[in-house]
């Protein structure tokens, strides 16, 4: 190093230390913003969008009793398949039979920007419809007889045959599951 440079450094040592400290602190703050705050804000935006989708359905909370809710904004990728992710979910119990409940939900969905995408299990004892928005968001709606589901579960848990379930697949009340996924049709 040149003598001039050494003198300049010696003369401004305190100033250089202060500037270096300030730069280091600023770098830590920027790193925190990039690693924590930006993803948190993005997750909150995604969560708000999911809630807005649920709200757009205008589910009547006097008819549909919320039974379970898991809404999150962060993209939760399946451990066994990184191309798919978990959906946010709400489950409801509706006192009406399955046909009435499906009709009401189809009407509610038709009033949104979601359009029918597919029915993955036609002819099943429960209904499942998948809808897709112009923004490539997915809405998965399942409706099944709660009474029939309870009979199936109870017989299965008691080791009884499930081949002789007598409850009609249309019997009320209905279990309703509505899943929202902003990323993919995960099933």
N, C-alpha and C. Protein backbone atom coordinates (compact mmCIF):
# COMPACT_ATOMS: atom_id res chain seq x y z
N UNK A 1 0.84 -1.19 0.00
CA UNK A 1 0.00 0.00 0.00
C UNK A 1 0.88 1.24 0.00
N UNK A 2 0.34 2.25 -0.60
CA UNK A 2 1.09 3.50 -0.64
C UNK A 2 1.00 4.21 0.69
N UNK A 3 1.94 5.03 0.94
CA UNK A 3 2.01 5.77 2.20
C UNK A 3 0.83 6.73 2.30
N UNK A 4 0.44 7.32 1.20
CA UNK A 4 -0.70 8.25 1.20
C UNK A 4 -1.98 7.53 1.66
N UNK A 5 -2.17 6.32 1.13
CA UNK A 5 -3.37 5.54 1.46
C UNK A 5 -3.37 5.17 2.94
N UNK A 6 -2.23 4.75 3.47
CA UNK A 6 -2.10 4.38 4.89
C UNK A 6 -2.42 5.57 5.78
N UNK A 7 -1.93 6.76 5.39
CA UNK A 7 -2.21 7.96 6.18
C UNK A 7 -3.71 8.29 6.13
N UNK A 8 -4.30 8.14 4.95
CA UNK A 8 -5.73 8.43 4.79
C UNK A 8 -6.56 7.49 5.66
N UNK A 9 -6.17 6.19 5.68
CA UNK A 9 -6.89 5.21 6.49
C UNK A 9 -6.71 5.52 7.97
N UNK A 10 -5.49 5.82 8.37
CA UNK A 10 -5.22 6.12 9.78
C UNK A 10 -5.98 7.37 10.22
N UNK A 11 -6.05 8.35 9.38
CA UNK A 11 -6.73 9.60 9.71
C UNK A 11 -8.25 9.41 9.82
N UNK A 12 -8.83 8.52 9.01
CA UNK A 12 -10.28 8.33 8.96
C UNK A 12 -10.73 6.99 9.53
N UNK A 13 -9.93 6.39 10.40
CA UNK A 13 -10.22 5.05 10.93
C UNK A 13 -11.59 5.00 11.63
N UNK A 14 -11.89 5.96 12.47
CA UNK A 14 -13.18 5.96 13.18
C UNK A 14 -14.33 6.09 12.19
N UNK A 15 -14.18 6.93 11.22
CA UNK A 15 -15.22 7.12 10.22
C UNK A 15 -15.43 5.83 9.41
N UNK A 16 -14.36 5.17 9.04
CA UNK A 16 -14.44 3.92 8.28
C UNK A 16 -15.13 2.84 9.10
N UNK A 17 -14.81 2.77 10.39
CA UNK A 17 -15.44 1.78 11.28
C UNK A 17 -16.94 2.07 11.39
N UNK A 18 -17.31 3.32 11.54
CA UNK A 18 -18.73 3.68 11.63
C UNK A 18 -19.47 3.33 10.34
N UNK A 19 -18.88 3.65 9.20
CA UNK A 19 -19.52 3.36 7.92
C UNK A 19 -19.63 1.85 7.72
N UNK A 20 -18.57 1.11 8.06
CA UNK A 20 -18.60 -0.35 7.91
C UNK A 20 -19.66 -0.97 8.81
N UNK A 21 -19.78 -0.47 10.03
CA UNK A 21 -20.79 -0.96 10.96
C UNK A 21 -22.19 -0.67 10.42
N UNK A 22 -22.38 0.54 9.91
CA UNK A 22 -23.68 0.90 9.34
C UNK A 22 -24.02 0.00 8.15
N UNK A 23 -23.06 -0.26 7.27
CA UNK A 23 -23.28 -1.12 6.11
C UNK A 23 -23.63 -2.54 6.55
N UNK A 24 -22.95 -3.05 7.56
CA UNK A 24 -23.22 -4.40 8.06
C UNK A 24 -24.63 -4.49 8.65
N UNK A 25 -25.01 -3.49 9.44
CA UNK A 25 -26.36 -3.48 10.03
C UNK A 25 -27.42 -3.38 8.92
N UNK A 26 -27.16 -2.52 7.94
CA UNK A 26 -28.11 -2.39 6.82
C UNK A 26 -28.23 -3.72 6.07
N UNK A 27 -27.14 -4.42 5.89
CA UNK A 27 -27.18 -5.71 5.19
C UNK A 27 -28.00 -6.73 5.98
N UNK A 28 -27.87 -6.73 7.30
CA UNK A 28 -28.66 -7.65 8.13
C UNK A 28 -30.14 -7.30 8.02
N UNK A 29 -30.46 -6.02 8.06
CA UNK A 29 -31.87 -5.59 7.96
C UNK A 29 -32.45 -6.01 6.60
N UNK A 30 -31.70 -5.80 5.54
CA UNK A 30 -32.17 -6.20 4.20
C UNK A 30 -32.36 -7.71 4.14
N UNK A 31 -31.44 -8.46 4.73
CA UNK A 31 -31.56 -9.93 4.75
C UNK A 31 -32.82 -10.36 5.50
N UNK A 32 -33.10 -9.73 6.64
CA UNK A 32 -34.31 -10.07 7.40
C UNK A 32 -35.56 -9.76 6.58
N UNK A 33 -35.55 -8.63 5.92
CA UNK A 33 -36.70 -8.26 5.08
C UNK A 33 -36.89 -9.29 3.97
N UNK A 34 -35.81 -9.67 3.32
CA UNK A 34 -35.92 -10.62 2.21
C UNK A 34 -36.29 -12.02 2.67
N UNK A 35 -35.78 -12.44 3.81
CA UNK A 35 -35.99 -13.82 4.24
C UNK A 35 -37.24 -14.02 5.10
N UNK A 36 -37.73 -12.96 5.72
CA UNK A 36 -38.87 -13.14 6.62
C UNK A 36 -40.08 -12.31 6.22
N UNK A 37 -39.90 -11.04 6.07
CA UNK A 37 -41.04 -10.15 5.87
C UNK A 37 -41.69 -10.34 4.50
N UNK A 38 -40.91 -10.44 3.44
CA UNK A 38 -41.48 -10.60 2.10
C UNK A 38 -42.30 -11.89 1.99
N UNK A 39 -41.76 -13.06 2.43
CA UNK A 39 -42.61 -14.27 2.37
C UNK A 39 -43.86 -14.16 3.25
N UNK A 40 -43.75 -13.52 4.40
CA UNK A 40 -44.91 -13.37 5.28
C UNK A 40 -45.98 -12.52 4.61
N UNK A 41 -45.57 -11.44 3.99
CA UNK A 41 -46.54 -10.58 3.28
C UNK A 41 -47.18 -11.37 2.14
N UNK A 42 -46.38 -12.11 1.38
CA UNK A 42 -46.91 -12.92 0.28
C UNK A 42 -47.89 -13.97 0.81
N UNK A 43 -47.56 -14.63 1.91
CA UNK A 43 -48.46 -15.63 2.49
C UNK A 43 -49.76 -15.00 2.96
N UNK A 44 -49.68 -13.80 3.51
CA UNK A 44 -50.89 -13.10 3.94
C UNK A 44 -51.77 -12.72 2.75
N UNK A 45 -51.13 -12.32 1.64
CA UNK A 45 -51.89 -11.99 0.44
C UNK A 45 -52.60 -13.25 -0.07
N UNK A 46 -51.90 -14.37 -0.10
CA UNK A 46 -52.49 -15.64 -0.55
C UNK A 46 -53.63 -16.06 0.39
N UNK A 47 -53.42 -15.93 1.69
CA UNK A 47 -54.46 -16.30 2.67
C UNK A 47 -55.70 -15.42 2.47
N UNK A 48 -55.49 -14.12 2.28
CA UNK A 48 -56.61 -13.21 2.04
C UNK A 48 -57.37 -13.61 0.77
N UNK A 49 -56.66 -14.05 -0.26
CA UNK A 49 -57.32 -14.48 -1.50
C UNK A 49 -58.17 -15.73 -1.25
N UNK A 50 -57.65 -16.66 -0.47
CA UNK A 50 -58.39 -17.88 -0.16
C UNK A 50 -59.66 -17.53 0.62
N UNK A 51 -59.54 -16.66 1.60
CA UNK A 51 -60.71 -16.24 2.37
C UNK A 51 -61.72 -15.52 1.46
N UNK A 52 -61.22 -14.72 0.53
CA UNK A 52 -62.11 -14.03 -0.40
C UNK A 52 -62.88 -15.04 -1.27
N UNK A 53 -62.22 -16.12 -1.65
CA UNK A 53 -62.90 -17.15 -2.43
C UNK A 53 -64.01 -17.79 -1.60
N UNK A 54 -63.70 -18.14 -0.35
CA UNK A 54 -64.75 -18.70 0.52
C UNK A 54 -65.89 -17.70 0.70
N UNK A 55 -65.56 -16.44 0.92
CA UNK A 55 -66.60 -15.42 1.12
C UNK A 55 -67.45 -15.23 -0.14
N UNK A 56 -66.85 -15.41 -1.32
CA UNK A 56 -67.61 -15.23 -2.56
C UNK A 56 -68.71 -16.27 -2.72
N UNK A 57 -68.59 -17.38 -2.01
CA UNK A 57 -69.63 -18.42 -2.07
C UNK A 57 -70.88 -18.03 -1.27
N UNK A 58 -70.72 -17.08 -0.38
CA UNK A 58 -71.84 -16.59 0.45
C UNK A 58 -72.56 -17.74 1.14
N UNK A 59 -71.79 -18.59 1.79
CA UNK A 59 -72.35 -19.72 2.55
C UNK A 59 -73.14 -19.18 3.73
N UNK A 60 -74.37 -19.57 3.84
CA UNK A 60 -75.26 -19.12 4.92
C UNK A 60 -74.89 -19.86 6.22
N UNK A 61 -74.30 -19.14 7.16
CA UNK A 61 -73.85 -19.80 8.39
C UNK A 61 -74.99 -20.22 9.31
N UNK A 62 -76.22 -19.87 8.97
CA UNK A 62 -77.37 -20.39 9.70
C UNK A 62 -77.76 -21.78 9.21
N UNK A 63 -77.50 -22.05 7.93
CA UNK A 63 -77.80 -23.36 7.35
C UNK A 63 -76.59 -24.29 7.41
N UNK A 64 -75.43 -23.73 7.18
CA UNK A 64 -74.20 -24.52 7.13
C UNK A 64 -73.39 -24.24 8.39
N UNK A 65 -73.27 -25.26 9.23
CA UNK A 65 -72.52 -25.11 10.48
C UNK A 65 -71.07 -25.49 10.23
N UNK A 66 -70.16 -24.54 10.47
CA UNK A 66 -68.74 -24.81 10.29
C UNK A 66 -68.30 -25.87 11.29
N UNK A 67 -67.71 -26.93 10.79
CA UNK A 67 -67.29 -28.05 11.61
C UNK A 67 -65.77 -28.09 11.77
N UNK A 68 -65.05 -27.63 10.74
CA UNK A 68 -63.59 -27.66 10.75
C UNK A 68 -63.08 -26.62 9.78
N UNK A 69 -61.93 -26.02 10.11
CA UNK A 69 -61.34 -25.03 9.22
C UNK A 69 -59.83 -25.10 9.30
N UNK A 70 -59.19 -25.10 8.14
CA UNK A 70 -57.74 -25.02 8.05
C UNK A 70 -57.41 -24.15 6.85
N UNK A 71 -57.16 -22.88 7.12
CA UNK A 71 -56.86 -21.92 6.05
C UNK A 71 -55.46 -21.39 6.29
N UNK A 72 -54.64 -21.45 5.26
CA UNK A 72 -53.26 -20.98 5.36
C UNK A 72 -52.87 -20.37 4.02
N UNK A 73 -51.91 -19.47 4.07
CA UNK A 73 -51.49 -18.80 2.85
C UNK A 73 -50.21 -19.37 2.25
N UNK A 74 -49.39 -19.97 3.08
CA UNK A 74 -48.15 -20.50 2.54
C UNK A 74 -48.42 -21.75 1.72
N UNK A 75 -47.63 -21.93 0.69
CA UNK A 75 -47.80 -23.10 -0.17
C UNK A 75 -47.18 -24.30 0.55
N UNK A 76 -48.02 -25.27 0.90
CA UNK A 76 -47.56 -26.46 1.61
C UNK A 76 -47.49 -27.62 0.61
N UNK A 77 -46.29 -27.93 0.20
CA UNK A 77 -46.06 -28.95 -0.83
C UNK A 77 -46.13 -30.33 -0.18
N UNK A 78 -46.75 -31.27 -0.89
CA UNK A 78 -46.78 -32.66 -0.42
C UNK A 78 -45.35 -33.17 -0.25
N UNK A 79 -45.12 -33.90 0.81
CA UNK A 79 -43.79 -34.44 1.07
C UNK A 79 -43.41 -35.46 0.01
N UNK A 80 -44.36 -36.20 -0.52
CA UNK A 80 -44.09 -37.28 -1.46
C UNK A 80 -44.25 -36.87 -2.93
N UNK A 81 -44.72 -35.64 -3.18
CA UNK A 81 -44.90 -35.20 -4.57
C UNK A 81 -44.79 -33.68 -4.62
N UNK A 82 -43.63 -33.20 -5.01
CA UNK A 82 -43.39 -31.75 -4.98
C UNK A 82 -44.17 -30.98 -6.03
N UNK A 83 -44.85 -31.67 -6.94
CA UNK A 83 -45.65 -30.97 -7.95
C UNK A 83 -47.06 -30.67 -7.46
N UNK A 84 -47.39 -31.14 -6.26
CA UNK A 84 -48.73 -30.94 -5.71
C UNK A 84 -48.63 -30.29 -4.33
N UNK A 85 -49.71 -29.60 -3.95
CA UNK A 85 -49.71 -28.93 -2.65
C UNK A 85 -51.05 -29.13 -1.94
N UNK A 86 -51.00 -28.96 -0.62
CA UNK A 86 -52.20 -29.09 0.20
C UNK A 86 -53.15 -27.93 -0.07
N UNK A 87 -54.42 -28.20 0.16
CA UNK A 87 -55.47 -27.18 -0.01
C UNK A 87 -55.92 -26.68 1.35
N UNK A 88 -56.33 -25.42 1.37
CA UNK A 88 -57.04 -24.92 2.55
C UNK A 88 -58.41 -25.59 2.54
N UNK A 89 -59.02 -25.72 3.71
CA UNK A 89 -60.24 -26.53 3.79
C UNK A 89 -61.19 -25.99 4.84
N UNK A 90 -62.45 -26.07 4.50
CA UNK A 90 -63.55 -25.86 5.47
C UNK A 90 -64.51 -27.02 5.33
N UNK A 91 -64.97 -27.54 6.46
CA UNK A 91 -66.02 -28.56 6.42
C UNK A 91 -67.23 -28.03 7.18
N UNK A 92 -68.38 -28.37 6.67
CA UNK A 92 -69.65 -27.92 7.22
C UNK A 92 -70.57 -29.11 7.41
N UNK A 93 -71.56 -28.93 8.27
CA UNK A 93 -72.67 -29.87 8.38
C UNK A 93 -73.93 -29.10 8.01
N UNK A 94 -74.71 -29.68 7.11
CA UNK A 94 -75.94 -29.05 6.62
C UNK A 94 -77.09 -30.00 6.93
N UNK A 95 -78.16 -29.50 7.52
CA UNK A 95 -79.27 -30.37 7.93
C UNK A 95 -80.05 -30.96 6.76
N UNK A 96 -79.90 -30.42 5.58
CA UNK A 96 -80.64 -30.92 4.41
C UNK A 96 -80.02 -32.20 3.86
N UNK A 97 -80.78 -32.86 2.98
CA UNK A 97 -80.24 -34.07 2.34
C UNK A 97 -79.17 -33.67 1.31
N UNK A 98 -78.51 -34.67 0.76
CA UNK A 98 -77.38 -34.45 -0.14
C UNK A 98 -77.82 -33.73 -1.42
N UNK A 99 -78.91 -34.16 -2.04
CA UNK A 99 -79.36 -33.53 -3.29
C UNK A 99 -79.64 -32.04 -3.11
N UNK A 100 -80.33 -31.69 -2.04
CA UNK A 100 -80.65 -30.28 -1.76
C UNK A 100 -79.37 -29.49 -1.54
N UNK A 101 -78.45 -30.05 -0.79
CA UNK A 101 -77.19 -29.37 -0.48
C UNK A 101 -76.37 -29.16 -1.74
N UNK A 102 -76.28 -30.18 -2.60
CA UNK A 102 -75.53 -30.06 -3.85
C UNK A 102 -76.14 -28.98 -4.73
N UNK A 103 -77.45 -28.94 -4.82
CA UNK A 103 -78.13 -27.93 -5.63
C UNK A 103 -77.82 -26.53 -5.12
N UNK A 104 -77.88 -26.33 -3.81
CA UNK A 104 -77.57 -25.02 -3.23
C UNK A 104 -76.12 -24.60 -3.52
N UNK A 105 -75.20 -25.54 -3.35
CA UNK A 105 -73.79 -25.21 -3.56
C UNK A 105 -73.49 -24.93 -5.03
N UNK A 106 -74.10 -25.69 -5.94
CA UNK A 106 -73.90 -25.43 -7.37
C UNK A 106 -74.38 -24.02 -7.72
N UNK A 107 -75.51 -23.62 -7.14
CA UNK A 107 -76.03 -22.27 -7.38
C UNK A 107 -75.07 -21.22 -6.83
N UNK A 108 -74.56 -21.43 -5.62
CA UNK A 108 -73.63 -20.48 -5.00
C UNK A 108 -72.36 -20.35 -5.84
N UNK A 109 -71.87 -21.46 -6.35
CA UNK A 109 -70.64 -21.43 -7.14
C UNK A 109 -70.88 -20.78 -8.50
N UNK A 110 -72.06 -20.99 -9.06
CA UNK A 110 -72.37 -20.39 -10.37
C UNK A 110 -72.38 -18.86 -10.30
N UNK A 111 -72.56 -18.31 -9.12
CA UNK A 111 -72.56 -16.85 -8.94
C UNK A 111 -71.15 -16.29 -8.78
N UNK A 112 -70.13 -17.14 -8.84
CA UNK A 112 -68.74 -16.69 -8.75
C UNK A 112 -68.10 -16.82 -10.13
N UNK A 113 -66.80 -16.57 -10.21
CA UNK A 113 -66.11 -16.71 -11.50
C UNK A 113 -65.53 -18.11 -11.71
N UNK A 114 -65.89 -19.06 -10.85
CA UNK A 114 -65.45 -20.44 -11.02
C UNK A 114 -66.38 -21.16 -12.00
N UNK A 115 -65.79 -22.01 -12.82
CA UNK A 115 -66.56 -22.82 -13.75
C UNK A 115 -66.25 -24.29 -13.51
N UNK A 116 -67.20 -25.13 -13.88
CA UNK A 116 -67.04 -26.57 -13.68
C UNK A 116 -65.80 -27.05 -14.41
N UNK A 117 -65.00 -27.87 -13.73
CA UNK A 117 -63.76 -28.41 -14.30
C UNK A 117 -63.87 -29.92 -14.50
N UNK A 118 -64.25 -30.64 -13.43
CA UNK A 118 -64.41 -32.08 -13.58
C UNK A 118 -65.14 -32.68 -12.38
N UNK A 119 -65.65 -33.88 -12.60
CA UNK A 119 -66.23 -34.70 -11.54
C UNK A 119 -65.37 -35.96 -11.49
N UNK A 120 -64.45 -36.07 -10.52
CA UNK A 120 -63.50 -37.18 -10.55
C UNK A 120 -64.08 -38.56 -10.25
N UNK A 121 -65.18 -38.63 -9.53
CA UNK A 121 -65.73 -39.93 -9.15
C UNK A 121 -67.22 -40.03 -9.48
N UNK A 122 -67.57 -39.96 -10.75
CA UNK A 122 -69.00 -40.04 -11.09
C UNK A 122 -69.57 -41.40 -10.70
N UNK A 123 -70.82 -41.38 -10.24
CA UNK A 123 -71.49 -42.61 -9.85
C UNK A 123 -71.15 -43.07 -8.44
N UNK A 124 -70.35 -42.30 -7.73
CA UNK A 124 -69.99 -42.66 -6.36
C UNK A 124 -71.16 -42.39 -5.42
N UNK A 125 -71.05 -42.85 -4.17
CA UNK A 125 -72.12 -42.60 -3.20
C UNK A 125 -72.03 -41.19 -2.62
N UNK A 126 -71.05 -40.42 -3.04
CA UNK A 126 -70.96 -39.02 -2.63
C UNK A 126 -70.62 -38.19 -3.86
N UNK A 127 -70.85 -36.91 -3.76
CA UNK A 127 -70.60 -36.01 -4.88
C UNK A 127 -69.28 -35.29 -4.66
N UNK A 128 -68.50 -35.18 -5.70
CA UNK A 128 -67.31 -34.33 -5.67
C UNK A 128 -67.24 -33.62 -7.02
N UNK A 129 -67.18 -32.30 -6.94
CA UNK A 129 -67.05 -31.49 -8.14
C UNK A 129 -65.85 -30.58 -7.96
N UNK A 130 -65.12 -30.40 -9.05
CA UNK A 130 -63.98 -29.51 -9.04
C UNK A 130 -64.28 -28.35 -9.99
N UNK A 131 -64.01 -27.15 -9.52
CA UNK A 131 -64.23 -25.94 -10.30
C UNK A 131 -62.90 -25.21 -10.44
N UNK A 132 -62.80 -24.42 -11.49
CA UNK A 132 -61.56 -23.70 -11.76
C UNK A 132 -61.89 -22.25 -12.11
N UNK A 133 -61.08 -21.34 -11.60
CA UNK A 133 -61.28 -19.92 -11.90
C UNK A 133 -60.39 -19.51 -13.08
N UNK A 134 -60.65 -18.35 -13.65
CA UNK A 134 -59.78 -17.86 -14.73
C UNK A 134 -58.34 -17.63 -14.26
N UNK A 135 -58.14 -17.52 -12.94
CA UNK A 135 -56.79 -17.32 -12.38
C UNK A 135 -56.12 -18.66 -12.04
N UNK A 136 -56.68 -19.77 -12.54
CA UNK A 136 -56.16 -21.12 -12.28
C UNK A 136 -56.16 -21.49 -10.81
N UNK A 137 -57.20 -21.06 -10.11
CA UNK A 137 -57.42 -21.46 -8.72
C UNK A 137 -58.45 -22.59 -8.75
N UNK A 138 -58.33 -23.49 -7.81
CA UNK A 138 -59.20 -24.66 -7.80
C UNK A 138 -60.09 -24.68 -6.57
N UNK A 139 -61.33 -25.06 -6.78
CA UNK A 139 -62.32 -25.20 -5.73
C UNK A 139 -62.84 -26.63 -5.81
N UNK A 140 -62.64 -27.38 -4.76
CA UNK A 140 -63.06 -28.80 -4.73
C UNK A 140 -64.18 -28.91 -3.70
N UNK A 141 -65.35 -29.33 -4.15
CA UNK A 141 -66.53 -29.41 -3.30
C UNK A 141 -66.98 -30.86 -3.20
N UNK A 142 -67.07 -31.36 -1.97
CA UNK A 142 -67.53 -32.73 -1.73
C UNK A 142 -68.75 -32.68 -0.82
N UNK A 143 -69.75 -33.48 -1.14
CA UNK A 143 -70.95 -33.58 -0.31
C UNK A 143 -71.29 -35.05 -0.16
N UNK A 144 -71.50 -35.46 1.07
CA UNK A 144 -71.90 -36.85 1.33
C UNK A 144 -72.86 -36.89 2.51
N UNK A 145 -73.59 -37.97 2.60
CA UNK A 145 -74.52 -38.15 3.70
C UNK A 145 -73.75 -38.38 4.99
N UNK A 146 -73.97 -37.50 5.96
CA UNK A 146 -73.31 -37.66 7.25
C UNK A 146 -73.79 -38.93 7.94
N UNK A 147 -75.07 -39.21 7.85
CA UNK A 147 -75.64 -40.40 8.48
C UNK A 147 -75.02 -41.67 7.89
N UNK A 148 -74.92 -41.72 6.56
CA UNK A 148 -74.31 -42.88 5.91
C UNK A 148 -72.82 -42.99 6.27
N UNK A 149 -72.14 -41.85 6.27
CA UNK A 149 -70.72 -41.84 6.64
C UNK A 149 -70.50 -42.32 8.07
N UNK A 150 -71.39 -41.89 8.99
CA UNK A 150 -71.30 -42.34 10.38
C UNK A 150 -71.54 -43.85 10.48
N UNK A 151 -72.52 -44.35 9.74
CA UNK A 151 -72.79 -45.79 9.76
C UNK A 151 -71.56 -46.56 9.25
N UNK A 152 -70.98 -46.09 8.16
CA UNK A 152 -69.79 -46.74 7.60
C UNK A 152 -68.65 -46.72 8.62
N UNK A 153 -68.38 -45.56 9.21
CA UNK A 153 -67.30 -45.42 10.17
C UNK A 153 -67.52 -46.32 11.39
N UNK A 154 -68.74 -46.28 11.95
CA UNK A 154 -69.02 -47.07 13.15
C UNK A 154 -68.89 -48.56 12.88
N UNK A 155 -69.44 -49.04 11.78
CA UNK A 155 -69.33 -50.47 11.46
C UNK A 155 -67.86 -50.86 11.26
N UNK A 156 -67.15 -50.01 10.58
CA UNK A 156 -65.74 -50.29 10.33
C UNK A 156 -64.94 -50.35 11.64
N UNK A 157 -65.20 -49.41 12.53
CA UNK A 157 -64.49 -49.37 13.82
C UNK A 157 -64.84 -50.55 14.72
N UNK A 158 -66.05 -51.05 14.58
CA UNK A 158 -66.48 -52.17 15.43
C UNK A 158 -66.17 -53.52 14.78
N UNK A 159 -65.54 -53.50 13.61
CA UNK A 159 -65.18 -54.75 12.95
C UNK A 159 -66.34 -55.43 12.26
N UNK A 160 -67.42 -54.70 12.05
CA UNK A 160 -68.60 -55.27 11.38
C UNK A 160 -68.47 -55.11 9.86
N UNK A 161 -69.24 -55.87 9.13
CA UNK A 161 -69.21 -55.80 7.68
C UNK A 161 -69.75 -54.45 7.21
N UNK A 162 -69.05 -53.86 6.26
CA UNK A 162 -69.52 -52.59 5.68
C UNK A 162 -70.24 -52.84 4.36
N UNK A 163 -70.46 -54.11 4.04
CA UNK A 163 -71.14 -54.46 2.80
C UNK A 163 -72.66 -54.30 2.89
N UNK A 164 -73.19 -54.15 4.10
CA UNK A 164 -74.65 -54.08 4.26
C UNK A 164 -75.10 -52.73 4.83
N UNK A 165 -74.47 -51.67 4.40
CA UNK A 165 -74.86 -50.33 4.85
C UNK A 165 -76.24 -50.03 4.27
N UNK A 166 -77.15 -49.65 5.14
CA UNK A 166 -78.56 -49.48 4.73
C UNK A 166 -78.97 -48.03 4.54
N UNK A 167 -78.19 -47.10 5.02
CA UNK A 167 -78.56 -45.70 4.93
C UNK A 167 -78.42 -45.21 3.49
N UNK A 168 -79.41 -44.48 3.03
CA UNK A 168 -79.40 -43.93 1.68
C UNK A 168 -78.25 -42.93 1.51
N UNK A 169 -77.59 -42.95 0.36
CA UNK A 169 -76.54 -41.96 0.09
C UNK A 169 -77.08 -40.53 0.04
N UNK A 170 -78.39 -40.36 -0.04
CA UNK A 170 -79.00 -39.04 -0.09
C UNK A 170 -79.50 -38.56 1.28
N UNK A 171 -79.42 -39.40 2.30
CA UNK A 171 -79.97 -39.06 3.61
C UNK A 171 -79.26 -37.86 4.23
N UNK A 172 -80.05 -36.99 4.81
CA UNK A 172 -79.49 -35.85 5.53
C UNK A 172 -79.18 -36.25 6.95
N UNK A 173 -78.44 -35.49 7.66
CA UNK A 173 -77.75 -34.27 7.24
C UNK A 173 -76.58 -34.58 6.31
N UNK A 174 -76.02 -33.52 5.73
CA UNK A 174 -74.92 -33.67 4.77
C UNK A 174 -73.62 -33.15 5.36
N UNK A 175 -72.53 -33.87 5.05
CA UNK A 175 -71.18 -33.37 5.31
C UNK A 175 -70.71 -32.66 4.05
N UNK A 176 -70.22 -31.46 4.21
CA UNK A 176 -69.74 -30.67 3.08
C UNK A 176 -68.28 -30.33 3.32
N UNK A 177 -67.44 -30.58 2.34
CA UNK A 177 -66.04 -30.18 2.40
C UNK A 177 -65.77 -29.29 1.20
N UNK A 178 -65.23 -28.12 1.47
CA UNK A 178 -64.86 -27.19 0.40
C UNK A 178 -63.38 -26.88 0.57
N UNK A 179 -62.61 -27.23 -0.47
CA UNK A 179 -61.17 -27.00 -0.46
C UNK A 179 -60.82 -25.97 -1.52
N UNK A 180 -59.87 -25.11 -1.18
CA UNK A 180 -59.39 -24.09 -2.11
C UNK A 180 -57.88 -24.27 -2.25
N UNK A 181 -57.43 -24.28 -3.50
CA UNK A 181 -56.00 -24.38 -3.77
C UNK A 181 -55.66 -23.36 -4.85
N UNK A 182 -54.72 -22.48 -4.56
CA UNK A 182 -54.34 -21.44 -5.50
C UNK A 182 -53.31 -21.91 -6.52
N UNK A 183 -52.77 -23.11 -6.32
CA UNK A 183 -51.63 -23.55 -7.12
C UNK A 183 -51.91 -24.72 -8.07
N UNK A 184 -52.69 -25.69 -7.63
CA UNK A 184 -52.87 -26.88 -8.45
C UNK A 184 -54.12 -27.63 -8.04
N UNK A 185 -54.52 -28.53 -8.92
CA UNK A 185 -55.63 -29.44 -8.63
C UNK A 185 -54.98 -30.68 -8.01
N UNK A 186 -54.88 -30.70 -6.71
CA UNK A 186 -53.95 -31.59 -6.02
C UNK A 186 -54.32 -33.06 -5.93
N UNK A 187 -55.39 -33.49 -6.51
CA UNK A 187 -55.71 -34.91 -6.44
C UNK A 187 -55.75 -35.53 -7.81
